[in-house]
């Protein structure tokens, strides 16, 4: 009972800031590990040479995947308010106007959905989008390369890595409550 009283109140604005800063911190700290994981994985015949500094595609995929989870963690009205604040802030970060940023998000969501069809699992979609955006197809053995499909064993390992970049809403709500 005291846990609900002691939680800090947080506004939609503050929530958007905490979410964005948390996601970018995890990407900044974690992408070099992800790049190393990809470059050293035994599923690739030749090293993909993903640069630890080339996190642009990864950051968009992680952001968009987490936005999908945001929608299921709030009531629809609050999710829309918070999501709009996040979009506005991210558009500024990516130096884009809001319309073009939303178009970019829609483009990535469409890609993730297409690559992951018929599954609706966001985590799997994120891994498949990373595989596609970093064009890892051509570094695989001949069989998967010809099929232009990710090696399922590698994808499973990548799912486990990407899962570390999913925002933990349960932990957040144990510490904070919304205004």
C-alpha atoms as a PDB file:
ATOM      1  CA  UNK A   1       0.000   0.000   0.000  1.00  0.00           C
ATOM      2  CA  UNK A   2       2.765   2.467   0.873  1.00  0.00           C
ATOM      3  CA  UNK A   3       4.433   1.692  -2.459  1.00  0.00           C
ATOM      4  CA  UNK A   4       1.655   3.409  -4.373  1.00  0.00           C
ATOM      5  CA  UNK A   5       1.765   6.451  -2.081  1.00  0.00           C
ATOM      6  CA  UNK A   6       5.546   6.797  -2.255  1.00  0.00           C
ATOM      7  CA  UNK A   7       5.823   6.681  -6.025  1.00  0.00           C
ATOM      8  CA  UNK A   8       6.850   9.954  -7.642  1.00  0.00           C
ATOM      9  CA  UNK A   9       4.379  11.766  -9.846  1.00  0.00           C
ATOM     10  CA  UNK A  10       5.529  12.343 -13.380  1.00  0.00           C
ATOM     11  CA  UNK A  11       3.945  14.436 -16.112  1.00  0.00           C
ATOM     12  CA  UNK A  12       3.575  13.381 -19.746  1.00  0.00           C
ATOM     13  CA  UNK A  13       6.378  15.812 -20.608  1.00  0.00           C
ATOM     14  CA  UNK A  14       8.710  14.304 -18.024  1.00  0.00           C
ATOM     15  CA  UNK A  15       7.755  10.786 -19.112  1.00  0.00           C
ATOM     16  CA  UNK A  16       8.648  11.618 -22.727  1.00  0.00           C
ATOM     17  CA  UNK A  17      12.017  13.018 -21.634  1.00  0.00           C
ATOM     18  CA  UNK A  18      12.822  10.041 -19.397  1.00  0.00           C
ATOM     19  CA  UNK A  19      11.820   7.601 -22.144  1.00  0.00           C
ATOM     20  CA  UNK A  20      13.904   9.289 -24.857  1.00  0.00           C
ATOM     21  CA  UNK A  21      16.940   9.802 -22.644  1.00  0.00           C
ATOM     22  CA  UNK A  22      16.758   6.228 -21.365  1.00  0.00           C
ATOM     23  CA  UNK A  23      16.493   4.734 -24.839  1.00  0.00           C
ATOM     24  CA  UNK A  24      19.341   6.847 -26.228  1.00  0.00           C
ATOM     25  CA  UNK A  25      21.555   6.070 -23.239  1.00  0.00           C
ATOM     26  CA  UNK A  26      21.008   2.346 -23.748  1.00  0.00           C
ATOM     27  CA  UNK A  27      21.733   2.685 -27.478  1.00  0.00           C
ATOM     28  CA  UNK A  28      24.872   4.775 -26.934  1.00  0.00           C
ATOM     29  CA  UNK A  29      26.191   2.315 -24.360  1.00  0.00           C
ATOM     30  CA  UNK A  30      24.954  -0.855 -26.024  1.00  0.00           C
ATOM     31  CA  UNK A  31      25.355  -0.493 -29.771  1.00  0.00           C
ATOM     32  CA  UNK A  32      29.142  -1.052 -29.769  1.00  0.00           C
ATOM     33  CA  UNK A  33      28.422  -4.415 -28.067  1.00  0.00           C
ATOM     34  CA  UNK A  34      25.731  -5.186 -30.665  1.00  0.00           C
ATOM     35  CA  UNK A  35      28.122  -4.330 -33.513  1.00  0.00           C
ATOM     36  CA  UNK A  36      30.781  -6.594 -31.999  1.00  0.00           C
ATOM     37  CA  UNK A  37      28.210  -9.370 -31.534  1.00  0.00           C
ATOM     38  CA  UNK A  38      27.183  -9.143 -35.200  1.00  0.00           C
ATOM     39  CA  UNK A  39      30.752  -8.927 -36.493  1.00  0.00           C
ATOM     40  CA  UNK A  40      31.899 -11.964 -34.505  1.00  0.00           C
ATOM     41  CA  UNK A  41      28.875 -14.232 -34.933  1.00  0.00           C
ATOM     42  CA  UNK A  42      29.614 -17.617 -36.478  1.00  0.00           C
ATOM     43  CA  UNK A  43      26.549 -17.371 -38.771  1.00  0.00           C
ATOM     44  CA  UNK A  44      28.524 -15.097 -41.082  1.00  0.00           C
ATOM     45  CA  UNK A  45      31.038 -16.459 -43.539  1.00  0.00           C
ATOM     46  CA  UNK A  46      32.668 -13.053 -43.829  1.00  0.00           C
ATOM     47  CA  UNK A  47      32.661 -10.320 -41.214  1.00  0.00           C
ATOM     48  CA  UNK A  48      29.910  -7.732 -41.835  1.00  0.00           C
ATOM     49  CA  UNK A  49      32.169  -4.991 -40.377  1.00  0.00           C
ATOM     50  CA  UNK A  50      29.315  -3.131 -38.689  1.00  0.00           C
ATOM     51  CA  UNK A  51      30.916  -0.022 -37.255  1.00  0.00           C
ATOM     52  CA  UNK A  52      30.335   0.612 -33.528  1.00  0.00           C
ATOM     53  CA  UNK A  53      29.605   4.230 -34.474  1.00  0.00           C
ATOM     54  CA  UNK A  54      26.967   3.377 -37.089  1.00  0.00           C
ATOM     55  CA  UNK A  55      23.948   3.230 -34.802  1.00  0.00           C
ATOM     56  CA  UNK A  56      21.530   5.379 -36.861  1.00  0.00           C
ATOM     57  CA  UNK A  57      19.439   2.501 -38.243  1.00  0.00           C
ATOM     58  CA  UNK A  58      19.618   0.607 -34.965  1.00  0.00           C
ATOM     59  CA  UNK A  59      18.449   3.611 -32.957  1.00  0.00           C
ATOM     60  CA  UNK A  60      15.426   4.140 -35.202  1.00  0.00           C
ATOM     61  CA  UNK A  61      14.480   0.463 -34.999  1.00  0.00           C
ATOM     62  CA  UNK A  62      14.818   0.440 -31.202  1.00  0.00           C
ATOM     63  CA  UNK A  63      12.814   3.669 -30.873  1.00  0.00           C
ATOM     64  CA  UNK A  64      10.032   2.458 -33.138  1.00  0.00           C
ATOM     65  CA  UNK A  65       9.880  -0.944 -31.467  1.00  0.00           C
ATOM     66  CA  UNK A  66       9.637   0.710 -28.065  1.00  0.00           C
ATOM     67  CA  UNK A  67       6.947   3.083 -29.305  1.00  0.00           C
ATOM     68  CA  UNK A  68       4.926  -0.004 -30.220  1.00  0.00           C
ATOM     69  CA  UNK A  69       5.210  -1.221 -26.624  1.00  0.00           C
ATOM     70  CA  UNK A  70       4.281   2.234 -25.355  1.00  0.00           C
ATOM     71  CA  UNK A  71       0.921   1.959 -27.076  1.00  0.00           C
ATOM     72  CA  UNK A  72       0.092  -1.210 -25.140  1.00  0.00           C
ATOM     73  CA  UNK A  73       1.255   0.167 -21.766  1.00  0.00           C
ATOM     74  CA  UNK A  74      -1.142   3.132 -21.509  1.00  0.00           C
ATOM     75  CA  UNK A  75      -4.756   3.895 -22.089  1.00  0.00           C
ATOM     76  CA  UNK A  76      -5.245   5.112 -25.686  1.00  0.00           C
ATOM     77  CA  UNK A  77      -5.699   8.804 -24.823  1.00  0.00           C
ATOM     78  CA  UNK A  78      -2.582   9.016 -22.687  1.00  0.00           C
ATOM     79  CA  UNK A  79      -0.582   6.938 -25.176  1.00  0.00           C
ATOM     80  CA  UNK A  80      -1.493   9.455 -27.908  1.00  0.00           C
ATOM     81  CA  UNK A  81      -0.434  12.426 -25.750  1.00  0.00           C
ATOM     82  CA  UNK A  82       2.874  10.870 -24.745  1.00  0.00           C
ATOM     83  CA  UNK A  83       3.556   9.547 -28.237  1.00  0.00           C
ATOM     84  CA  UNK A  84       2.959  13.003 -29.759  1.00  0.00           C
ATOM     85  CA  UNK A  85       5.376  14.562 -27.278  1.00  0.00           C
ATOM     86  CA  UNK A  86       7.950  11.884 -28.077  1.00  0.00           C
ATOM     87  CA  UNK A  87       7.511  12.396 -31.828  1.00  0.00           C
ATOM     88  CA  UNK A  88       7.952  16.146 -31.454  1.00  0.00           C
ATOM     89  CA  UNK A  89      11.116  15.728 -29.389  1.00  0.00           C
ATOM     90  CA  UNK A  90      12.565  13.041 -31.673  1.00  0.00           C
ATOM     91  CA  UNK A  91      11.863  15.108 -34.783  1.00  0.00           C
ATOM     92  CA  UNK A  92      13.965  17.884 -33.236  1.00  0.00           C
ATOM     93  CA  UNK A  93      16.729  15.427 -32.302  1.00  0.00           C
ATOM     94  CA  UNK A  94      16.818  14.045 -35.852  1.00  0.00           C
ATOM     95  CA  UNK A  95      16.607  17.599 -37.244  1.00  0.00           C
ATOM     96  CA  UNK A  96      13.420  16.903 -39.170  1.00  0.00           C
ATOM     97  CA  UNK A  97      10.029  18.509 -39.202  1.00  0.00           C
ATOM     98  CA  UNK A  98       7.310  16.527 -37.447  1.00  0.00           C
ATOM     99  CA  UNK A  99       5.566  15.414 -40.650  1.00  0.00           C
ATOM    100  CA  UNK A 100       8.757  14.004 -42.209  1.00  0.00           C
ATOM    101  CA  UNK A 101       9.714  12.283 -38.968  1.00  0.00           C
ATOM    102  CA  UNK A 102       6.290  10.619 -38.763  1.00  0.00           C
ATOM    103  CA  UNK A 103       6.718   9.522 -42.395  1.00  0.00           C
ATOM    104  CA  UNK A 104      10.086   7.997 -41.482  1.00  0.00           C
ATOM    105  CA  UNK A 105       8.500   6.161 -38.540  1.00  0.00           C
ATOM    106  CA  UNK A 106       5.715   4.893 -40.801  1.00  0.00           C
ATOM    107  CA  UNK A 107       8.294   3.704 -43.353  1.00  0.00           C
ATOM    108  CA  UNK A 108      10.194   1.746 -40.685  1.00  0.00           C
ATOM    109  CA  UNK A 109       6.995   0.295 -39.190  1.00  0.00           C
ATOM    110  CA  UNK A 110       5.904  -0.856 -42.635  1.00  0.00           C
ATOM    111  CA  UNK A 111       9.302  -2.444 -43.248  1.00  0.00           C
ATOM    112  CA  UNK A 112       9.251  -4.174 -39.865  1.00  0.00           C
ATOM    113  CA  UNK A 113       5.742  -5.463 -40.458  1.00  0.00           C
ATOM    114  CA  UNK A 114       6.581  -6.703 -43.959  1.00  0.00           C
ATOM    115  CA  UNK A 115       9.781  -8.448 -42.863  1.00  0.00           C
ATOM    116  CA  UNK A 116       8.017 -10.085 -39.937  1.00  0.00           C
ATOM    117  CA  UNK A 117       4.773 -11.085 -41.658  1.00  0.00           C
ATOM    118  CA  UNK A 118       2.658 -12.947 -40.525  1.00  0.00           C
ATOM    119  CA  UNK A 119       4.039 -12.646 -36.965  1.00  0.00           C
ATOM    120  CA  UNK A 120       3.031  -9.657 -34.837  1.00  0.00           C
ATOM    121  CA  UNK A 121       5.940 -10.064 -32.392  1.00  0.00           C
ATOM    122  CA  UNK A 122       7.642  -6.649 -32.178  1.00  0.00           C
ATOM    123  CA  UNK A 123      10.921  -8.066 -30.873  1.00  0.00           C
ATOM    124  CA  UNK A 124      11.229 -10.388 -33.878  1.00  0.00           C
ATOM    125  CA  UNK A 125      10.381  -7.512 -36.194  1.00  0.00           C
ATOM    126  CA  UNK A 126      13.143  -5.416 -34.649  1.00  0.00           C
ATOM    127  CA  UNK A 127      15.741  -8.158 -35.171  1.00  0.00           C
ATOM    128  CA  UNK A 128      14.672  -8.732 -38.758  1.00  0.00           C
ATOM    129  CA  UNK A 129      14.777  -4.994 -39.458  1.00  0.00           C
ATOM    130  CA  UNK A 130      18.307  -4.766 -38.036  1.00  0.00           C
ATOM    131  CA  UNK A 131      19.317  -7.655 -40.272  1.00  0.00           C
ATOM    132  CA  UNK A 132      17.800  -5.908 -43.289  1.00  0.00           C
ATOM    133  CA  UNK A 133      18.997  -2.351 -42.604  1.00  0.00           C
ATOM    134  CA  UNK A 134      22.575  -3.499 -42.051  1.00  0.00           C
ATOM    135  CA  UNK A 135      22.315  -5.700 -45.192  1.00  0.00           C
ATOM    136  CA  UNK A 136      23.610  -8.768 -43.416  1.00  0.00           C
ATOM    137  CA  UNK A 137      22.199 -11.143 -46.055  1.00  0.00           C
ATOM    138  CA  UNK A 138      25.354 -11.095 -48.159  1.00  0.00           C
ATOM    139  CA  UNK A 139      27.651 -12.146 -45.315  1.00  0.00           C
ATOM    140  CA  UNK A 140      25.912 -15.485 -44.700  1.00  0.00           C
ATOM    141  CA  UNK A 141      26.584 -18.887 -46.165  1.00  0.00           C
ATOM    142  CA  UNK A 142      25.449 -19.456 -49.745  1.00  0.00           C
ATOM    143  CA  UNK A 143      22.108 -21.083 -48.849  1.00  0.00           C
ATOM    144  CA  UNK A 144      20.740 -18.162 -46.796  1.00  0.00           C
ATOM    145  CA  UNK A 145      22.421 -15.628 -49.035  1.00  0.00           C
ATOM    146  CA  UNK A 146      20.590 -17.011 -52.096  1.00  0.00           C
ATOM    147  CA  UNK A 147      17.285 -17.062 -50.210  1.00  0.00           C
ATOM    148  CA  UNK A 148      17.877 -13.490 -48.973  1.00  0.00           C
ATOM    149  CA  UNK A 149      16.677 -14.690 -45.564  1.00  0.00           C
ATOM    150  CA  UNK A 150      18.359 -14.414 -42.175  1.00  0.00           C
ATOM    151  CA  UNK A 151      19.837 -17.530 -40.635  1.00  0.00           C
ATOM    152  CA  UNK A 152      17.212 -18.424 -37.982  1.00  0.00           C
ATOM    153  CA  UNK A 153      19.879 -19.383 -35.431  1.00  0.00           C
ATOM    154  CA  UNK A 154      21.497 -15.968 -35.737  1.00  0.00           C
ATOM    155  CA  UNK A 155      18.094 -14.276 -35.553  1.00  0.00           C
ATOM    156  CA  UNK A 156      17.331 -16.085 -32.300  1.00  0.00           C
ATOM    157  CA  UNK A 157      20.622 -14.873 -30.814  1.00  0.00           C
ATOM    158  CA  UNK A 158      19.919 -11.348 -32.070  1.00  0.00           C
ATOM    159  CA  UNK A 159      16.451 -11.447 -30.457  1.00  0.00           C
ATOM    160  CA  UNK A 160      18.129 -12.114 -27.113  1.00  0.00           C
ATOM    161  CA  UNK A 161      20.449  -9.137 -27.607  1.00  0.00           C
ATOM    162  CA  UNK A 162      17.712  -6.769 -28.818  1.00  0.00           C
ATOM    163  CA  UNK A 163      15.509  -7.693 -25.872  1.00  0.00           C
ATOM    164  CA  UNK A 164      17.935  -5.715 -23.693  1.00  0.00           C
ATOM    165  CA  UNK A 165      16.846  -2.537 -25.486  1.00  0.00           C
ATOM    166  CA  UNK A 166      13.141  -2.888 -24.656  1.00  0.00           C
ATOM    167  CA  UNK A 167      11.902  -0.308 -22.148  1.00  0.00           C
ATOM    168  CA  UNK A 168      10.733  -1.931 -18.899  1.00  0.00           C
ATOM    169  CA  UNK A 169       7.370  -0.259 -18.244  1.00  0.00           C
ATOM    170  CA  UNK A 170       6.651  -2.470 -15.220  1.00  0.00           C
ATOM    171  CA  UNK A 171       9.790  -1.209 -13.474  1.00  0.00           C
ATOM    172  CA  UNK A 172       8.934   2.363 -14.445  1.00  0.00           C
ATOM    173  CA  UNK A 173       5.413   2.141 -12.990  1.00  0.00           C
ATOM    174  CA  UNK A 174       6.746   0.693  -9.730  1.00  0.00           C
ATOM    175  CA  UNK A 175       8.769   3.881  -9.260  1.00  0.00           C
ATOM    176  CA  UNK A 176       6.529   6.522 -10.858  1.00  0.00           C
ATOM    177  CA  UNK A 177       2.865   7.324 -11.271  1.00  0.00           C
ATOM    178  CA  UNK A 178       1.426   9.588 -13.914  1.00  0.00           C
ATOM    179  CA  UNK A 179      -0.205  12.940 -13.198  1.00  0.00           C
END
